[in-house]
Each structure stands twice: as structure tokens, then as C-alpha cells.
Protein backbone atom coordinates (compact mmCIF):
# COMPACT_ATOMS: atom_id res chain seq x y z
CA UNK A 1 -6.52 50.60 -28.99
CA UNK A 2 -8.68 53.56 -28.06
CA UNK A 3 -7.00 54.12 -24.66
CA UNK A 4 -3.61 54.27 -26.40
CA UNK A 5 -4.82 56.85 -28.89
CA UNK A 6 -6.47 58.89 -26.12
CA UNK A 7 -3.22 58.82 -24.14
CA UNK A 8 -1.26 60.14 -27.12
CA UNK A 9 -3.84 62.88 -27.79
CA UNK A 10 -3.77 64.03 -24.18
CA UNK A 11 0.04 64.21 -23.95
CA UNK A 12 1.03 67.83 -24.54
CA UNK A 13 4.24 67.18 -26.51
CA UNK A 14 2.53 64.97 -29.09
CA UNK A 15 1.47 66.57 -32.38
CA UNK A 16 -2.26 66.68 -33.13
CA UNK A 17 -1.61 66.39 -36.87
CA UNK A 18 -0.70 63.99 -38.19
CA UNK A 19 -2.76 61.98 -35.72
CA UNK A 20 -1.25 59.16 -33.73
CA UNK A 21 -2.07 55.69 -35.02
CA UNK A 22 -2.31 52.44 -33.10
CA UNK A 23 -1.74 49.18 -34.92
CA UNK A 24 -2.29 45.59 -33.89
CA UNK A 25 1.16 44.18 -34.58
CA UNK A 26 0.84 40.61 -33.27
CA UNK A 27 -1.24 38.13 -31.35
CA UNK A 28 1.15 36.52 -28.91
CA UNK A 29 0.73 33.35 -26.91
CA UNK A 30 -0.32 35.42 -23.90
CA UNK A 31 -0.44 38.93 -25.29
CA UNK A 32 -1.93 41.33 -27.76
CA UNK A 33 0.95 43.40 -29.15
CA UNK A 34 0.19 46.97 -30.18
CA UNK A 35 2.34 49.60 -31.88
CA UNK A 36 1.54 53.24 -31.21
CA UNK A 37 3.01 55.72 -33.70
CA UNK A 38 3.11 59.45 -33.00
CA UNK A 39 5.23 62.54 -33.62
CA UNK A 40 6.71 64.74 -30.91
CA UNK A 41 6.49 68.51 -31.45
CA UNK A 42 9.92 69.22 -29.93
CA UNK A 43 12.25 66.25 -30.45
CA UNK A 44 15.24 68.50 -29.70
CA UNK A 45 14.11 68.40 -26.05
CA UNK A 46 14.34 64.61 -25.96
CA UNK A 47 12.49 61.71 -27.46
CA UNK A 48 12.71 59.21 -24.60
CA UNK A 49 10.99 61.52 -22.12
CA UNK A 50 8.16 62.14 -24.62
CA UNK A 51 7.75 58.40 -25.10
CA UNK A 52 7.78 57.96 -21.32
CA UNK A 53 5.01 60.55 -20.93
CA UNK A 54 2.84 58.65 -23.42
CA UNK A 55 3.55 55.28 -21.79
CA UNK A 56 2.63 56.64 -18.36
CA UNK A 57 -0.60 58.03 -19.80
CA UNK A 58 -1.34 54.62 -21.36
CA UNK A 59 -0.70 52.97 -17.99
CA UNK A 60 -3.24 55.34 -16.39
CA UNK A 61 -5.78 54.70 -19.17
CA UNK A 62 -5.40 50.94 -18.86
CA UNK A 63 -5.89 51.17 -15.10
CA UNK A 64 -8.99 53.35 -15.56
CA UNK A 65 -10.44 50.83 -18.05
CA UNK A 66 -9.64 47.82 -15.85
CA UNK A 67 -6.95 46.46 -18.19
CA UNK A 68 -4.34 44.48 -16.30
CA UNK A 69 -0.85 43.66 -17.54
CA UNK A 70 -0.20 40.05 -16.53
CA UNK A 71 3.06 38.88 -15.03
CA UNK A 72 4.66 35.74 -16.37
CA UNK A 73 4.03 32.82 -14.08
CA UNK A 74 5.82 29.52 -14.10
CA UNK A 75 5.06 26.37 -12.13
CA UNK A 76 8.04 24.53 -10.70
CA UNK A 77 7.51 20.94 -9.63
CA UNK A 78 10.01 19.55 -7.14
CA UNK A 79 10.04 15.79 -6.90
CA UNK A 80 11.60 13.85 -4.03
CA UNK A 81 14.68 11.83 -4.88
CA UNK A 82 16.05 8.62 -3.50
CA UNK A 83 19.28 6.79 -4.10
CA UNK A 84 19.58 3.41 -5.71
CA UNK A 85 22.02 0.73 -4.47
CA UNK A 86 24.94 2.35 -6.33
CA UNK A 87 24.32 5.77 -4.71
CA UNK A 88 22.86 7.33 -7.88
CA UNK A 89 19.85 9.55 -7.30
CA UNK A 90 16.58 8.40 -8.79
CA UNK A 91 13.75 10.87 -9.35
CA UNK A 92 10.44 9.68 -8.01
CA UNK A 93 7.30 10.45 -9.99
């Protein structure tokens, strides 16, 4: 959580007070879900770009701390098929 808070503190458009907070929102099957809450000092200039700045800073912090974001990986098993006497395909184990 510390890298997220550091990223928010170091982003120039984010207010110092009230401080940003980082919450553990869920423990997923293959993830730790965090929520980072912060206020932008000039929302009239856009909220999405301020959020993007913070997310990019988090990305850099994670990289610097050796945190990797895993990609989903699926295994696909392809089994050979043969046809029975009627022409129907039968999956082989």
C-alpha cells in the first residue's frame, strides 16, 4: 500500500490534505485488490488525466519495488479425435 500512497503524494495535482488513503478492498483468487482515494486540486481541468497521472506513478513505484502485475494464463488441452463406425467423432483421453 505504501507505493500507492507515495505515488499519490508525489503527483502534483493531488491535494496534500486531506491525505490520500489506500484500502485493502478484497483478496481475490489471484489478486490483492486495493482502493486508493485522493482529491484533485483542480478537478475543473479534468479528473481522468489526474487519475492517469497517479496510476502511471503507481506503475513506476511497483516496477521500482519489483512488484509484477500477472497476466491471466489459461491452459488449453487439445485431444486427438477419431471416428466411430457411424462417423461420429470420439474424443480420446
